[in-house]
Amino acid sequence: MIPHKLMSDWMMFLRTNPEYLQRFSECFWPSQMFSKHYALDLLQEHMGNGGEIYKRQIYIFGGWYGVFAQLMNEKFRSIQIYNIDVDPECEKVFNLLPIDGRKNITHITADMADFKYHTTPDFVINTSTEHVTQETYDAWWKNIPAGTKYLIQSNNFFEIDEHIRCANSLEEFVEMNNIQHNDYKSTIEVGQRPDGSAFFRFMALGER
């Protein structure tokens, strides 16, 4: 459930900044919102200490405009979130959003491949593994400190030009993303592709 205040803030942002309407609204496709809430439920279930996630340092890579970060901040209070995206336009948009929704969130413009952690991460999340090359992903993965928990996502939606590293199946997703066999893995159906076949999102949660 999205809090009414947060939804109102997003709508007010679009009313006062109509030039971002098309791009910002792409954050709210049903498949996007379903997968975000599914990921939040996974975090609550698997974070340890009975689902306790508070007072943690969480880094979200490919975080775009910070919609997922804001939803996480609403669900889990007293956490510090770093929202990282390579596109400097994302930081510009993020800083235009109402201040209340950005509390506890720091947006950073950076390439995940050579990102330098500002604090010791408790959890890293990569919501954009289909948007980067294998070389970039491998560099990001190698840079995660040992013992850090992670959650990553991808999908089989090859039809979008920005999706340059999708997976055909959960098995392919596991192999290309260096996921350990004993880590938690899941596949959720989130919609239909242009040809009418199922559109799946793959997720994995584990420890580096």
C-alpha atoms as a PDB file:
ATOM      1  CA  MET A   1       0.000   0.000   0.000  1.00  0.00           C
ATOM      2  CA  ILE A   2       1.366   3.416  -0.970  1.00  0.00           C
ATOM      3  CA  PRO A   3       0.775   6.072   1.711  1.00  0.00           C
ATOM      4  CA  HIS A   4      -1.629   8.793   0.586  1.00  0.00           C
ATOM      5  CA  LYS A   5       0.859  11.558   1.357  1.00  0.00           C
ATOM      6  CA  LEU A   6       3.570   9.990  -0.795  1.00  0.00           C
ATOM      7  CA  MET A   7       1.190   9.465  -3.708  1.00  0.00           C
ATOM      8  CA  SER A   8      -0.026  13.061  -3.415  1.00  0.00           C
ATOM      9  CA  ASP A   9       3.560  14.307  -3.414  1.00  0.00           C
ATOM     10  CA  TRP A  10       4.323  12.433  -6.638  1.00  0.00           C
ATOM     11  CA  MET A  11       1.201  13.776  -8.321  1.00  0.00           C
ATOM     12  CA  MET A  12       1.982  17.325  -7.201  1.00  0.00           C
ATOM     13  CA  PHE A  13       5.481  16.967  -8.604  1.00  0.00           C
ATOM     14  CA  LEU A  14       4.040  16.008 -12.007  1.00  0.00           C
ATOM     15  CA  ARG A  15       1.556  18.889 -11.936  1.00  0.00           C
ATOM     16  CA  THR A  16       4.317  21.416 -11.308  1.00  0.00           C
ATOM     17  CA  ASN A  17       6.928  19.744 -13.543  1.00  0.00           C
ATOM     18  CA  PRO A  18       4.941  18.475 -16.576  1.00  0.00           C
ATOM     19  CA  GLU A  19       8.092  18.142 -18.666  1.00  0.00           C
ATOM     20  CA  TYR A  20       8.895  14.979 -16.668  1.00  0.00           C
ATOM     21  CA  LEU A  21       5.451  13.439 -17.026  1.00  0.00           C
ATOM     22  CA  GLN A  22       6.270  10.711 -19.542  1.00  0.00           C
ATOM     23  CA  ARG A  23       9.563   9.546 -18.073  1.00  0.00           C
ATOM     24  CA  PHE A  24       8.628   9.780 -14.392  1.00  0.00           C
ATOM     25  CA  SER A  25       5.311   8.021 -14.946  1.00  0.00           C
ATOM     26  CA  GLU A  26       7.202   4.997 -16.326  1.00  0.00           C
ATOM     27  CA  CYS A  27       8.129   4.237 -12.715  1.00  0.00           C
ATOM     28  CA  PHE A  28       4.502   3.290 -12.140  1.00  0.00           C
ATOM     29  CA  TRP A  29       3.800   0.564 -14.683  1.00  0.00           C
ATOM     30  CA  PRO A  30       1.890  -2.244 -12.899  1.00  0.00           C
ATOM     31  CA  SER A  31       4.877  -4.569 -13.382  1.00  0.00           C
ATOM     32  CA  GLN A  32       7.180  -1.984 -11.782  1.00  0.00           C
ATOM     33  CA  MET A  33       5.003  -1.426  -8.733  1.00  0.00           C
ATOM     34  CA  PHE A  34       4.242  -5.116  -8.223  1.00  0.00           C
ATOM     35  CA  SER A  35       7.919  -6.062  -8.312  1.00  0.00           C
ATOM     36  CA  LYS A  36       8.848  -3.221  -5.935  1.00  0.00           C
ATOM     37  CA  HIS A  37       6.315  -4.327  -3.327  1.00  0.00           C
ATOM     38  CA  TYR A  38       7.332  -7.957  -3.804  1.00  0.00           C
ATOM     39  CA  ALA A  39      10.963  -6.978  -3.191  1.00  0.00           C
ATOM     40  CA  LEU A  40      10.012  -5.059  -0.041  1.00  0.00           C
ATOM     41  CA  ASP A  41       8.184  -8.116   1.292  1.00  0.00           C
ATOM     42  CA  LEU A  42      11.259 -10.254   0.577  1.00  0.00           C
ATOM     43  CA  LEU A  43      13.471  -7.817   2.447  1.00  0.00           C
ATOM     44  CA  GLN A  44      11.194  -7.864   5.458  1.00  0.00           C
ATOM     45  CA  GLU A  45      11.057 -11.659   5.458  1.00  0.00           C
ATOM     46  CA  HIS A  46      14.762 -12.384   4.940  1.00  0.00           C
ATOM     47  CA  MET A  47      16.615  -9.486   6.527  1.00  0.00           C
ATOM     48  CA  GLY A  48      17.360 -11.357   9.734  1.00  0.00           C
ATOM     49  CA  ASN A  49      16.485 -10.630  13.375  1.00  0.00           C
ATOM     50  CA  GLY A  50      12.873 -11.502  12.687  1.00  0.00           C
ATOM     51  CA  GLY A  51      12.676  -9.252   9.665  1.00  0.00           C
ATOM     52  CA  GLU A  52      14.352  -6.311  11.455  1.00  0.00           C
ATOM     53  CA  ILE A  53      15.778  -3.911   8.868  1.00  0.00           C
ATOM     54  CA  TYR A  54      16.002  -0.741  10.911  1.00  0.00           C
ATOM     55  CA  LYS A  55      19.203   1.276  11.405  1.00  0.00           C
ATOM     56  CA  ARG A  56      20.771  -0.275   8.333  1.00  0.00           C
ATOM     57  CA  GLN A  57      22.875   1.196   5.506  1.00  0.00           C
ATOM     58  CA  ILE A  58      21.190   0.246   2.227  1.00  0.00           C
ATOM     59  CA  TYR A  59      22.505   1.005  -1.264  1.00  0.00           C
ATOM     60  CA  ILE A  60      20.165   0.866  -4.263  1.00  0.00           C
ATOM     61  CA  PHE A  61      21.881   0.729  -7.664  1.00  0.00           C
ATOM     62  CA  GLY A  62      19.982   1.721 -10.769  1.00  0.00           C
ATOM     63  CA  GLY A  63      17.589   3.487  -8.421  1.00  0.00           C
ATOM     64  CA  TRP A  64      16.390   5.928 -11.088  1.00  0.00           C
ATOM     65  CA  TYR A  65      14.352   8.759  -9.504  1.00  0.00           C
ATOM     66  CA  GLY A  66      14.210   7.136  -6.085  1.00  0.00           C
ATOM     67  CA  VAL A  67      10.621   5.858  -6.131  1.00  0.00           C
ATOM     68  CA  PHE A  68      11.689   2.465  -4.771  1.00  0.00           C
ATOM     69  CA  ALA A  69      13.898   4.188  -2.177  1.00  0.00           C
ATOM     70  CA  GLN A  70      10.951   6.290  -1.006  1.00  0.00           C
ATOM     71  CA  LEU A  71       8.685   3.244  -0.746  1.00  0.00           C
ATOM     72  CA  MET A  72      11.386   1.488   1.282  1.00  0.00           C
ATOM     73  CA  ASN A  73      11.774   4.518   3.519  1.00  0.00           C
ATOM     74  CA  GLU A  74       8.038   4.493   4.204  1.00  0.00           C
ATOM     75  CA  LYS A  75       8.010   0.781   5.054  1.00  0.00           C
ATOM     76  CA  PHE A  76      11.211   0.651   7.130  1.00  0.00           C
ATOM     77  CA  ARG A  77      11.866   3.722   9.253  1.00  0.00           C
ATOM     78  CA  SER A  78      15.251   4.741  10.687  1.00  0.00           C
ATOM     79  CA  ILE A  79      17.333   3.413   7.820  1.00  0.00           C
ATOM     80  CA  GLN A  80      19.844   5.255   5.658  1.00  0.00           C
ATOM     81  CA  ILE A  81      19.342   4.722   1.938  1.00  0.00           C
ATOM     82  CA  TYR A  82      21.761   5.651  -0.824  1.00  0.00           C
ATOM     83  CA  ASN A  83      20.060   5.819  -4.219  1.00  0.00           C
ATOM     84  CA  ILE A  84      22.626   5.504  -7.026  1.00  0.00           C
ATOM     85  CA  ASP A  85      22.100   6.069 -10.741  1.00  0.00           C
ATOM     86  CA  VAL A  86      24.505   6.879 -13.560  1.00  0.00           C
ATOM     87  CA  ASP A  87      22.128   9.381 -15.198  1.00  0.00           C
ATOM     88  CA  PRO A  88      22.632  12.901 -13.740  1.00  0.00           C
ATOM     89  CA  GLU A  89      19.069  13.797 -14.765  1.00  0.00           C
ATOM     90  CA  CYS A  90      17.828  11.387 -12.092  1.00  0.00           C
ATOM     91  CA  GLU A  91      19.491  13.400  -9.339  1.00  0.00           C
ATOM     92  CA  LYS A  92      17.966  16.589 -10.737  1.00  0.00           C
ATOM     93  CA  VAL A  93      14.469  15.078 -10.615  1.00  0.00           C
ATOM     94  CA  PHE A  94      15.039  13.523  -7.185  1.00  0.00           C
ATOM     95  CA  ASN A  95      15.969  16.901  -5.731  1.00  0.00           C
ATOM     96  CA  LEU A  96      12.717  18.396  -7.064  1.00  0.00           C
ATOM     97  CA  LEU A  97      10.598  15.907  -5.111  1.00  0.00           C
ATOM     98  CA  PRO A  98       9.096  17.027  -1.774  1.00  0.00           C
ATOM     99  CA  ILE A  99      11.629  16.988   1.038  1.00  0.00           C
ATOM    100  CA  ASP A 100       9.494  14.844   3.384  1.00  0.00           C
ATOM    101  CA  GLY A 101       9.598  11.923   0.944  1.00  0.00           C
ATOM    102  CA  ARG A 102      13.377  12.175   0.606  1.00  0.00           C
ATOM    103  CA  LYS A 103      14.110  11.939   4.315  1.00  0.00           C
ATOM    104  CA  ASN A 104      16.900   9.430   5.090  1.00  0.00           C
ATOM    105  CA  ILE A 105      17.695   9.111   1.349  1.00  0.00           C
ATOM    106  CA  THR A 106      20.864  10.377  -0.317  1.00  0.00           C
ATOM    107  CA  HIS A 107      20.933  10.400  -4.114  1.00  0.00           C
ATOM    108  CA  ILE A 108      24.314   9.871  -5.763  1.00  0.00           C
ATOM    109  CA  THR A 109      25.141  10.155  -9.465  1.00  0.00           C
ATOM    110  CA  ALA A 110      27.712   7.458 -10.151  1.00  0.00           C
ATOM    111  CA  ASP A 111      28.551   4.466 -12.317  1.00  0.00           C
ATOM    112  CA  MET A 112      27.955   1.246 -10.389  1.00  0.00           C
ATOM    113  CA  ALA A 113      31.041  -0.309 -11.997  1.00  0.00           C
ATOM    114  CA  ASP A 114      33.473   1.847 -10.016  1.00  0.00           C
ATOM    115  CA  PHE A 115      31.306   3.031  -7.141  1.00  0.00           C
ATOM    116  CA  LYS A 116      33.043   3.794  -3.847  1.00  0.00           C
ATOM    117  CA  TYR A 117      30.926   3.001  -0.785  1.00  0.00           C
ATOM    118  CA  HIS A 118      30.421   5.941   1.582  1.00  0.00           C
ATOM    119  CA  THR A 119      29.721   3.665   4.556  1.00  0.00           C
ATOM    120  CA  THR A 120      29.882  -0.067   5.172  1.00  0.00           C
ATOM    121  CA  PRO A 121      26.768  -1.461   3.466  1.00  0.00           C
ATOM    122  CA  ASP A 122      24.422  -3.814   5.266  1.00  0.00           C
ATOM    123  CA  PHE A 123      22.452  -4.459   2.095  1.00  0.00           C
ATOM    124  CA  VAL A 124      22.906  -3.710  -1.611  1.00  0.00           C
ATOM    125  CA  ILE A 125      20.075  -3.798  -4.126  1.00  0.00           C
ATOM    126  CA  ASN A 126      20.455  -3.784  -7.899  1.00  0.00           C
ATOM    127  CA  THR A 127      17.172  -3.210  -9.699  1.00  0.00           C
ATOM    128  CA  SER A 128      18.743  -2.636 -13.119  1.00  0.00           C
ATOM    129  CA  THR A 129      20.901  -5.625 -13.975  1.00  0.00           C
ATOM    130  CA  GLU A 130      19.221  -5.846 -17.391  1.00  0.00           C
ATOM    131  CA  HIS A 131      20.321  -2.270 -18.167  1.00  0.00           C
ATOM    132  CA  VAL A 132      24.100  -2.857 -17.908  1.00  0.00           C
ATOM    133  CA  THR A 133      26.727  -4.874 -19.743  1.00  0.00           C
ATOM    134  CA  GLN A 134      28.163  -8.044 -18.268  1.00  0.00           C
ATOM    135  CA  GLU A 135      31.450  -6.199 -17.754  1.00  0.00           C
ATOM    136  CA  THR A 136      29.746  -3.459 -15.722  1.00  0.00           C
ATOM    137  CA  TYR A 137      27.768  -5.962 -13.686  1.00  0.00           C
ATOM    138  CA  ASP A 138      30.823  -8.087 -12.904  1.00  0.00           C
ATOM    139  CA  ALA A 139      32.759  -4.996 -11.762  1.00  0.00           C
ATOM    140  CA  TRP A 140      29.853  -3.985  -9.510  1.00  0.00           C
ATOM    141  CA  TRP A 141      29.554  -7.500  -8.083  1.00  0.00           C
ATOM    142  CA  LYS A 142      33.281  -7.775  -7.389  1.00  0.00           C
ATOM    143  CA  ASN A 143      33.201  -4.462  -5.499  1.00  0.00           C
ATOM    144  CA  ILE A 144      30.534  -5.558  -2.977  1.00  0.00           C
ATOM    145  CA  PRO A 145      32.180  -6.080   0.432  1.00  0.00           C
ATOM    146  CA  ALA A 146      32.246  -9.690   1.605  1.00  0.00           C
ATOM    147  CA  GLY A 147      29.397 -10.538   3.960  1.00  0.00           C
ATOM    148  CA  THR A 148      27.020  -7.945   2.499  1.00  0.00           C
ATOM    149  CA  LYS A 149      23.485  -9.098   1.824  1.00  0.00           C
ATOM    150  CA  TYR A 150      22.053  -8.393  -1.594  1.00  0.00           C
ATOM    151  CA  LEU A 151      18.877  -8.405  -3.646  1.00  0.00           C
ATOM    152  CA  ILE A 152      19.034  -8.247  -7.441  1.00  0.00           C
ATOM    153  CA  GLN A 153      16.428  -8.218 -10.186  1.00  0.00           C
ATOM    154  CA  SER A 154      16.222  -8.811 -13.920  1.00  0.00           C
ATOM    155  CA  ASN A 155      13.559  -9.858 -16.419  1.00  0.00           C
ATOM    156  CA  ASN A 156      12.872 -11.458 -19.800  1.00  0.00           C
ATOM    157  CA  PHE A 157      11.564  -8.278 -21.470  1.00  0.00           C
ATOM    158  CA  PHE A 158      14.009  -8.137 -24.390  1.00  0.00           C
ATOM    159  CA  GLU A 159      11.781  -5.839 -26.438  1.00  0.00           C
ATOM    160  CA  ILE A 160      12.884  -2.645 -24.650  1.00  0.00           C
ATOM    161  CA  ASP A 161      15.992  -1.110 -26.231  1.00  0.00           C
ATOM    162  CA  GLU A 162      17.473  -0.187 -22.841  1.00  0.00           C
ATOM    163  CA  HIS A 163      17.313  -3.838 -21.754  1.00  0.00           C
ATOM    164  CA  ILE A 164      20.685  -5.075 -23.004  1.00  0.00           C
ATOM    165  CA  ARG A 165      21.213  -8.040 -20.626  1.00  0.00           C
ATOM    166  CA  CYS A 166      17.928  -9.814 -19.999  1.00  0.00           C
ATOM    167  CA  ALA A 167      17.588 -13.475 -19.065  1.00  0.00           C
ATOM    168  CA  ASN A 168      15.453 -16.113 -20.776  1.00  0.00           C
ATOM    169  CA  SER A 169      14.905 -18.073 -17.576  1.00  0.00           C
ATOM    170  CA  LEU A 170      15.593 -18.135 -13.861  1.00  0.00           C
ATOM    171  CA  GLU A 171      18.470 -20.538 -14.513  1.00  0.00           C
ATOM    172  CA  GLU A 172      20.104 -18.137 -16.977  1.00  0.00           C
ATOM    173  CA  PHE A 173      19.549 -15.245 -14.564  1.00  0.00           C
ATOM    174  CA  VAL A 174      21.309 -17.200 -11.803  1.00  0.00           C
ATOM    175  CA  GLU A 175      24.287 -18.047 -14.007  1.00  0.00           C
ATOM    176  CA  MET A 176      24.906 -14.592 -15.479  1.00  0.00           C
ATOM    177  CA  ASN A 177      24.608 -12.841 -12.100  1.00  0.00           C
ATOM    178  CA  ASN A 178      26.952 -15.050 -10.049  1.00  0.00           C
ATOM    179  CA  ILE A 179      24.183 -16.191  -7.713  1.00  0.00           C
ATOM    180  CA  GLN A 180      25.017 -19.012  -5.320  1.00  0.00           C
ATOM    181  CA  HIS A 181      22.863 -22.145  -5.498  1.00  0.00           C
ATOM    182  CA  ASN A 182      21.849 -21.902  -1.839  1.00  0.00           C
ATOM    183  CA  ASP A 183      20.655 -18.286  -2.155  1.00  0.00           C
ATOM    184  CA  TYR A 184      16.943 -17.498  -2.313  1.00  0.00           C
ATOM    185  CA  LYS A 185      15.613 -17.234  -5.882  1.00  0.00           C
ATOM    186  CA  SER A 186      12.174 -16.507  -7.301  1.00  0.00           C
ATOM    187  CA  THR A 187      10.290 -15.835 -10.511  1.00  0.00           C
ATOM    188  CA  ILE A 188       7.135 -13.735 -10.615  1.00  0.00           C
ATOM    189  CA  GLU A 189       4.852 -13.127 -13.576  1.00  0.00           C
ATOM    190  CA  VAL A 190       4.251  -9.391 -13.894  1.00  0.00           C
ATOM    191  CA  GLY A 191       2.567  -8.951 -17.277  1.00  0.00           C
ATOM    192  CA  GLN A 192       2.630  -9.745 -20.981  1.00  0.00           C
ATOM    193  CA  ARG A 193       5.231  -9.092 -23.654  1.00  0.00           C
ATOM    194  CA  PRO A 194       4.179  -7.630 -27.026  1.00  0.00           C
ATOM    195  CA  ASP A 195       3.672 -11.096 -28.519  1.00  0.00           C
ATOM    196  CA  GLY A 196       1.326 -12.051 -25.674  1.00  0.00           C
ATOM    197  CA  SER A 197       3.781 -14.342 -23.877  1.00  0.00           C
ATOM    198  CA  ALA A 198       4.389 -13.973 -20.152  1.00  0.00           C
ATOM    199  CA  PHE A 199       6.673 -11.244 -18.850  1.00  0.00           C
ATOM    200  CA  PHE A 200       8.665 -12.491 -15.861  1.00  0.00           C
ATOM    201  CA  ARG A 201      10.803 -10.734 -13.280  1.00  0.00           C
ATOM    202  CA  PHE A 202      13.567 -12.741 -11.669  1.00  0.00           C
ATOM    203  CA  MET A 203      14.886 -12.004  -8.181  1.00  0.00           C
ATOM    204  CA  ALA A 204      17.589 -13.349  -5.928  1.00  0.00           C
ATOM    205  CA  LEU A 205      18.452 -12.603  -2.331  1.00  0.00           C
ATOM    206  CA  GLY A 206      21.594 -13.798  -0.610  1.00  0.00           C
ATOM    207  CA  GLU A 207      24.963 -12.867   0.832  1.00  0.00           C
ATOM    208  CA  ARG A 208      28.092 -11.906  -1.103  1.00  0.00           C
END
